Amino acid sequence: MKTIGTASVMCLMLALASTAANAKPLTSQELADKGLKAGENYPGLHNLCDLSSRFRIAGSRPPGNTKKRELSAEEREKRRQGAYVEPTRVFDNLYFVGNRSVSSWAIQTSDGIILVDALNNNDQAERYIEDGLIKLGLNPEDIKYLVITHGHGDHYGGQEYLVNKFHPKVVMSDQDWSMLEDPEQMIQNPRWGKPPKRDVTVNDRGTVSLGDTNVKLFVTPGHTPGTISLIFPVQDGQTRHHVGLWGGTGLNFGPKEDRIREYAQSAEDFEKAAQHNNVDVFLSNHPRRDGSVEKMQNLQSRAPDNTHPFVDGEDALGAFKLLHYCTLAQAERLAERDQ
């Protein structure tokens, strides 16, 4: 048998290293195309891959500090009706109690409920979360933890109502607690309720445990300095699945290249964690991002032998690949513009 000598092995290794070092880096468009291909099943994320001039790096209008016309009572009621989504049992232990704009997810455990996000304000907390849980046959008094994915008021705004009435422990990252405590960093919006007061602080790869359920929390900075993303188990009959819930999607902080690269790194790191934890369900805290409303409609007509509409298998990792490659593409776009 012919063997390769040590010198030959060293030459081969040096050649490979030289090839890697001389490899041409991907352009912003090549990165965006790679992201779109990986996440083709998640059209709600595709605008992050848009490198055209019509796409603002902010990704959408900034979430706060905007002056709005006061709506009439009739206009407010129409808006409420248009935003309404029927509260839905999505998995045996996971319930949607949000609206068309913002999600709130209730994880049922053997010892109570872990609620993820509190919507925009107290009215929405009562209308969608409390009333929704009751309609689903759950008791809002059982809410033991409120995990707030990040410090924007469309996710914490209803916390005052929930905390005063049901007394859950409020969980956020240290970075985002600090952001809310700093007047210069905090974003205001008249539609939002009061920010929470510091309660439970979680660090990267922390866990919220309640009864038979462990929710793994990952600090994924980018959207805010301390956005939290979650991994937790769900049941569909006798089958267990694992959810990866991305905690903050838009690039709503302006053309800050370093921060966009941080976002891309967070997405790559979370994808690795999701793969390690067998994630096969991608969720967001905005229904337009993960297609929750359409999937819940499909769930109602699901035949007994059909795949669960929210379960994507290994394809679920494609959402995080898209988030990684397309935000990296936006950072490269800024770098190319400045050259």
Protein backbone atom coordinates (compact mmCIF):
# COMPACT_ATOMS: atom_id res chain seq x y z
CA MET A 1 0.00 0.00 0.00
CA LYS A 2 1.32 3.38 -1.00
CA THR A 3 1.73 5.91 1.84
CA ILE A 4 2.12 9.66 1.79
CA GLY A 5 5.23 11.00 3.45
CA THR A 6 5.24 13.71 6.10
CA ALA A 7 6.71 16.25 3.68
CA SER A 8 3.93 15.56 1.17
CA VAL A 9 1.27 15.98 3.84
CA MET A 10 2.82 19.30 4.89
CA CYS A 11 2.86 20.50 1.27
CA LEU A 12 -0.79 19.55 0.84
CA MET A 13 -1.77 21.38 4.04
CA LEU A 14 0.14 24.48 2.98
CA ALA A 15 -1.53 24.41 -0.44
CA LEU A 16 -4.98 24.15 1.11
CA ALA A 17 -4.21 26.98 3.53
CA SER A 18 -2.96 29.14 0.67
CA THR A 19 -6.12 28.44 -1.35
CA ALA A 20 -8.31 29.39 1.61
CA ALA A 21 -6.33 32.55 2.26
CA ASN A 22 -6.60 33.61 -1.39
CA ALA A 23 -10.31 32.80 -1.68
CA LYS A 24 -12.26 35.81 -2.84
CA PRO A 25 -14.73 36.99 -0.18
CA LEU A 26 -18.39 36.94 -1.12
CA THR A 27 -19.95 40.18 -2.27
CA SER A 28 -23.00 41.61 -0.57
CA GLN A 29 -25.24 40.32 -3.38
CA GLU A 30 -23.71 36.83 -3.22
CA LEU A 31 -24.33 36.75 0.54
CA ALA A 32 -27.91 37.93 0.07
CA ASP A 33 -28.53 35.28 -2.60
CA LYS A 34 -27.13 32.63 -0.27
CA GLY A 35 -29.44 33.79 2.49
CA LEU A 36 -32.50 33.81 0.24
CA LYS A 37 -31.76 30.28 -0.94
CA ALA A 38 -31.33 29.01 2.63
CA GLY A 39 -34.49 30.70 3.87
CA GLU A 40 -36.70 30.40 0.80
CA ASN A 41 -39.52 28.97 2.95
CA TYR A 42 -39.67 32.11 5.11
CA PRO A 43 -40.88 34.97 2.88
CA GLY A 44 -41.55 37.14 5.93
CA LEU A 45 -37.78 37.48 6.34
CA HIS A 46 -36.91 38.11 2.69
CA ASN A 47 -36.90 41.89 2.88
CA LEU A 48 -33.74 41.65 5.00
CA CYS A 49 -32.01 40.39 1.85
CA ASP A 50 -33.04 43.38 -0.27
CA LEU A 51 -29.94 45.34 -1.23
CA SER A 52 -31.71 47.76 -3.56
CA SER A 53 -31.85 51.47 -2.90
CA ARG A 54 -35.51 51.22 -1.83
CA PHE A 55 -34.50 49.19 1.22
CA ARG A 56 -33.55 51.36 4.15
CA ILE A 57 -30.98 49.87 6.49
CA ALA A 58 -33.49 50.52 9.25
CA GLY A 59 -35.52 47.72 7.65
CA SER A 60 -38.74 49.45 8.64
CA ARG A 61 -39.81 52.69 10.23
CA PRO A 62 -38.03 53.20 13.58
CA PRO A 63 -40.14 51.73 16.40
CA GLY A 64 -40.51 54.88 18.47
CA ASN A 65 -40.09 58.62 18.77
CA THR A 66 -42.67 59.17 16.02
CA LYS A 67 -45.47 61.68 16.24
CA LYS A 68 -48.84 60.19 15.29
CA ARG A 69 -52.25 61.63 14.60
CA GLU A 70 -54.75 60.87 17.33
CA LEU A 71 -57.25 58.29 16.03
CA SER A 72 -60.98 58.60 16.53
CA ALA A 73 -62.83 55.97 18.56
CA GLU A 74 -64.25 54.52 15.33
CA GLU A 75 -60.80 54.32 13.74
CA ARG A 76 -59.38 52.63 16.84
CA GLU A 77 -62.15 50.03 16.82
CA LYS A 78 -61.60 49.27 13.13
CA ARG A 79 -57.90 48.87 13.78
CA ARG A 80 -58.59 46.49 16.67
CA GLN A 81 -60.92 44.38 14.55
CA GLY A 82 -58.42 44.23 11.71
CA ALA A 83 -55.65 43.17 14.08
CA TYR A 84 -57.67 40.42 15.76
CA VAL A 85 -56.43 36.84 15.51
CA GLU A 86 -58.34 34.01 17.12
CA PRO A 87 -56.38 32.67 20.12
CA THR A 88 -55.06 29.30 19.04
CA ARG A 89 -53.62 26.15 20.52
CA VAL A 90 -50.66 25.62 18.19
CA PHE A 91 -49.09 22.64 19.97
CA ASP A 92 -50.36 20.66 22.94
CA ASN A 93 -48.45 22.99 25.26
CA LEU A 94 -48.06 26.17 23.18
CA TYR A 95 -50.70 28.83 22.55
CA PHE A 96 -50.84 31.98 20.43
CA VAL A 97 -52.49 34.96 22.19
CA GLY A 98 -51.23 37.84 20.07
CA ASN A 99 -52.53 39.82 17.11
CA ARG A 100 -51.61 40.26 13.45
CA SER A 101 -48.78 42.65 14.28
CA VAL A 102 -47.14 41.24 17.40
CA SER A 103 -47.04 37.77 18.93
CA SER A 104 -47.47 36.63 22.48
CA TRP A 105 -46.81 32.94 23.11
CA ALA A 106 -47.99 31.02 26.17
CA ILE A 107 -46.01 27.90 27.10
CA GLN A 108 -48.06 25.64 29.37
CA THR A 109 -46.11 23.59 31.89
CA SER A 110 -47.08 21.23 34.68
CA ASP A 111 -46.75 24.09 37.15
CA GLY A 112 -48.12 27.12 35.31
CA ILE A 113 -47.53 29.29 32.26
CA ILE A 114 -44.41 30.91 30.84
CA LEU A 115 -45.57 33.85 28.73
CA VAL A 116 -43.33 35.26 26.01
CA ASP A 117 -43.94 38.99 25.41
CA ALA A 118 -46.75 41.31 26.49
CA LEU A 119 -47.82 43.16 23.29
CA ASN A 120 -48.08 46.97 22.96
CA ASN A 121 -50.10 48.14 25.93
CA ASN A 122 -52.42 47.24 28.80
CA ASP A 123 -55.52 47.20 26.60
CA GLN A 124 -53.93 44.60 24.33
CA ALA A 125 -52.73 42.55 27.30
CA GLU A 126 -56.29 42.35 28.54
CA ARG A 127 -57.98 41.94 25.15
CA TYR A 128 -55.61 39.42 23.56
CA ILE A 129 -53.63 37.75 26.34
CA GLU A 130 -56.01 37.52 29.31
CA ASP A 131 -59.19 37.04 27.26
CA GLY A 132 -57.35 34.75 24.85
CA LEU A 133 -56.08 32.44 27.61
CA ILE A 134 -59.57 32.25 29.13
CA LYS A 135 -61.09 31.43 25.72
CA LEU A 136 -58.53 28.62 25.35
CA GLY A 137 -59.50 27.17 28.72
CA LEU A 138 -56.39 28.39 30.54
CA ASN A 139 -56.23 30.42 33.73
CA PRO A 140 -54.28 33.71 33.46
CA GLU A 141 -53.62 33.43 37.20
CA ASP A 142 -51.23 30.62 36.24
CA ILE A 143 -48.79 32.99 34.49
CA LYS A 144 -45.64 32.56 36.57
CA TYR A 145 -43.02 34.06 34.23
CA LEU A 146 -43.17 36.81 31.62
CA VAL A 147 -40.13 36.63 29.34
CA ILE A 148 -39.66 39.86 27.40
CA THR A 149 -37.58 39.20 24.31
CA HIS A 150 -36.24 42.76 24.07
CA GLY A 151 -36.73 46.27 25.34
CA HIS A 152 -39.09 47.69 22.72
CA GLY A 153 -42.57 48.62 23.89
CA ASP A 154 -44.42 46.45 21.39
CA HIS A 155 -43.11 43.53 23.45
CA TYR A 156 -43.19 44.91 27.00
CA GLY A 157 -46.08 47.41 26.71
CA GLY A 158 -48.77 45.29 28.36
CA GLN A 159 -46.59 44.15 31.25
CA GLU A 160 -48.08 46.61 33.76
CA TYR A 161 -51.55 45.06 33.46
CA LEU A 162 -50.20 41.51 33.70
CA VAL A 163 -47.84 42.21 36.61
CA ASN A 164 -50.42 44.11 38.65
CA LYS A 165 -53.13 41.50 38.15
CA PHE A 166 -51.27 38.17 37.94
CA HIS A 167 -47.85 38.92 39.50
CA PRO A 168 -45.51 36.98 37.18
CA LYS A 169 -41.74 37.34 37.45
CA VAL A 170 -40.48 39.50 34.58
CA VAL A 171 -37.39 38.22 32.76
CA MET A 172 -35.04 40.23 30.54
CA SER A 173 -31.34 40.33 29.75
CA ASP A 174 -29.08 42.61 31.78
CA GLN A 175 -28.24 44.60 28.63
CA ASP A 176 -31.86 45.42 27.90
CA TRP A 177 -32.74 46.15 31.53
CA SER A 178 -29.90 48.68 31.39
CA MET A 179 -31.18 50.07 28.09
CA LEU A 180 -34.62 50.73 29.63
CA GLU A 181 -32.97 52.36 32.65
CA ASP A 182 -31.00 54.78 30.45
CA PRO A 183 -33.14 57.71 29.20
CA GLU A 184 -30.77 58.27 26.28
CA GLN A 185 -31.17 54.70 25.00
CA MET A 186 -34.85 54.16 25.75
CA ILE A 187 -37.28 54.54 22.85
CA GLN A 188 -40.68 56.13 23.49
CA ASN A 189 -43.92 55.67 21.59
CA PRO A 190 -47.38 56.91 22.65
CA ARG A 191 -48.94 53.57 21.73
CA TRP A 192 -46.77 51.69 24.23
CA GLY A 193 -47.41 51.02 27.89
CA LYS A 194 -44.94 51.56 30.72
CA PRO A 195 -41.60 49.74 30.71
CA PRO A 196 -41.09 47.11 33.42
CA LYS A 197 -38.95 47.61 36.50
CA ARG A 198 -35.88 45.40 36.81
CA ASP A 199 -36.85 41.98 38.11
CA VAL A 200 -35.21 38.74 36.93
CA THR A 201 -31.99 39.11 34.93
CA VAL A 202 -30.91 36.32 32.60
CA ASN A 203 -27.49 35.82 31.07
CA ASP A 204 -26.59 34.09 27.83
CA ARG A 205 -27.52 30.39 27.87
CA GLY A 206 -29.60 30.84 30.99
CA THR A 207 -32.72 28.81 31.69
CA VAL A 208 -36.23 29.49 32.94
CA SER A 209 -37.54 26.29 34.50
CA LEU A 210 -41.14 25.75 35.51
CA GLY A 211 -42.62 22.36 36.33
CA ASP A 212 -41.71 19.88 33.61
CA THR A 213 -40.39 22.49 31.14
CA ASN A 214 -36.99 24.09 30.65
CA VAL A 215 -36.79 27.12 28.35
CA LYS A 216 -33.26 27.90 27.20
CA LEU A 217 -32.50 31.59 26.77
CA PHE A 218 -29.77 32.94 24.49
CA VAL A 219 -28.65 36.56 24.42
CA THR A 220 -28.52 37.43 20.71
CA PRO A 221 -27.50 41.11 20.43
CA GLY A 222 -28.24 43.08 17.31
CA HIS A 223 -31.87 44.19 17.20
CA THR A 224 -31.23 45.53 20.72
CA PRO A 225 -28.08 45.18 22.86
CA GLY A 226 -29.58 42.24 24.78
CA THR A 227 -32.28 40.61 22.66
CA ILE A 228 -33.25 37.17 24.00
CA SER A 229 -33.95 34.22 21.70
CA LEU A 230 -35.46 31.00 23.05
CA ILE A 231 -35.34 27.25 22.53
CA PHE A 232 -37.98 25.05 24.15
CA PRO A 233 -39.82 21.73 23.62
CA VAL A 234 -43.38 21.38 22.35
CA GLN A 235 -45.63 18.35 22.02
CA ASP A 236 -47.80 17.24 19.11
CA GLY A 237 -49.52 14.16 20.48
CA GLN A 238 -46.78 11.64 21.18
CA THR A 239 -44.20 13.55 19.12
CA ARG A 240 -41.83 16.09 20.62
CA HIS A 241 -40.50 19.02 18.62
CA HIS A 242 -38.21 21.90 19.51
CA VAL A 243 -38.92 25.57 18.84
CA GLY A 244 -36.31 28.18 18.04
CA LEU A 245 -37.91 31.59 18.67
CA TRP A 246 -35.87 34.48 17.28
CA GLY A 247 -36.25 37.47 19.58
CA GLY A 248 -35.77 40.51 17.33
CA THR A 249 -35.77 40.77 13.56
CA GLY A 250 -35.50 44.25 12.04
CA LEU A 251 -32.38 46.34 11.49
CA ASN A 252 -34.13 49.34 13.00
CA PHE A 253 -31.11 51.07 14.49
CA GLY A 254 -29.65 52.77 11.43
CA PRO A 255 -26.58 52.16 9.24
CA LYS A 256 -24.25 50.93 11.98
CA GLU A 257 -21.98 48.40 10.30
CA ASP A 258 -20.46 46.98 13.51
CA ARG A 259 -23.88 46.39 15.03
CA ILE A 260 -25.22 44.73 11.89
CA ARG A 261 -22.21 42.41 11.90
CA GLU A 262 -22.95 41.66 15.56
CA TYR A 263 -26.51 40.76 14.53
CA ALA A 264 -25.17 38.43 11.82
CA GLN A 265 -22.86 36.74 14.33
CA SER A 266 -25.74 36.28 16.77
CA ALA A 267 -27.81 34.61 14.08
CA GLU A 268 -24.95 32.26 13.19
CA ASP A 269 -24.38 31.38 16.86
CA PHE A 270 -28.08 30.77 17.44
CA GLU A 271 -28.29 28.56 14.36
CA LYS A 272 -25.57 26.35 15.87
CA ALA A 273 -27.47 26.21 19.16
CA ALA A 274 -30.68 25.39 17.28
CA GLN A 275 -28.97 22.58 15.40
CA HIS A 276 -27.50 21.21 18.63
CA ASN A 277 -30.96 21.25 20.25
CA ASN A 278 -32.75 19.64 17.28
CA VAL A 279 -34.87 22.71 16.50
CA ASP A 280 -37.44 21.92 13.81
CA VAL A 281 -39.87 24.82 14.37
CA PHE A 282 -39.02 28.46 13.62
CA LEU A 283 -41.02 31.16 15.41
CA SER A 284 -40.77 34.92 15.69
CA ASN A 285 -42.48 37.49 17.87
CA HIS A 286 -44.05 39.08 14.78
CA PRO A 287 -46.54 36.89 12.85
CA ARG A 288 -45.64 38.42 9.51
CA ARG A 289 -42.08 37.21 9.95
CA ASP A 290 -42.83 33.52 10.58
CA GLY A 291 -46.19 33.20 8.79
CA SER A 292 -47.98 32.21 11.99
CA VAL A 293 -51.44 33.45 10.96
CA GLU A 294 -51.44 31.42 7.74
CA LYS A 295 -50.01 28.37 9.50
CA MET A 296 -52.68 28.58 12.20
CA GLN A 297 -55.34 28.65 9.49
CA ASN A 298 -53.78 25.54 7.94
CA LEU A 299 -53.71 23.91 11.36
CA GLN A 300 -57.51 24.12 11.59
CA SER A 301 -57.90 21.99 8.46
CA ARG A 302 -55.03 19.62 9.17
CA ALA A 303 -55.82 15.98 8.46
CA PRO A 304 -54.80 13.48 11.19
CA ASP A 305 -51.90 12.04 9.17
CA ASN A 306 -50.60 15.37 7.83
CA THR A 307 -47.42 17.05 9.00
CA HIS A 308 -47.93 19.85 11.50
CA PRO A 309 -47.92 23.16 9.55
CA PHE A 310 -45.37 24.71 11.94
CA VAL A 311 -42.89 21.81 11.72
CA ASP A 312 -40.23 22.29 9.04
CA GLY A 313 -37.65 19.73 10.10
CA GLU A 314 -34.07 20.70 9.33
CA ASP A 315 -35.38 23.43 7.01
CA ALA A 316 -36.17 25.46 10.14
CA LEU A 317 -32.44 26.16 10.41
CA GLY A 318 -32.69 27.96 7.09
CA ALA A 319 -34.41 30.88 8.81
CA PHE A 320 -31.34 31.49 10.97
CA LYS A 321 -29.01 31.01 7.98
CA LEU A 322 -31.00 33.70 6.16
CA LEU A 323 -30.75 36.02 9.15
CA HIS A 324 -26.99 35.45 9.23
CA TYR A 325 -26.19 35.80 5.53
CA CYS A 326 -28.62 38.60 4.71
CA THR A 327 -27.66 40.83 7.62
CA LEU A 328 -24.01 40.18 6.80
CA ALA A 329 -24.88 41.21 3.24
CA GLN A 330 -26.28 44.49 4.56
CA ALA A 331 -23.05 45.11 6.47
CA GLU A 332 -21.02 44.40 3.34
CA ARG A 333 -23.29 46.71 1.39
CA LEU A 334 -22.36 49.52 3.78
CA ALA A 335 -18.65 48.65 3.51
CA GLU A 336 -18.81 48.58 -0.31
CA ARG A 337 -20.61 51.92 -0.34
CA ASP A 338 -17.88 53.51 1.74
CA GLN A 339 -14.99 52.20 -0.38
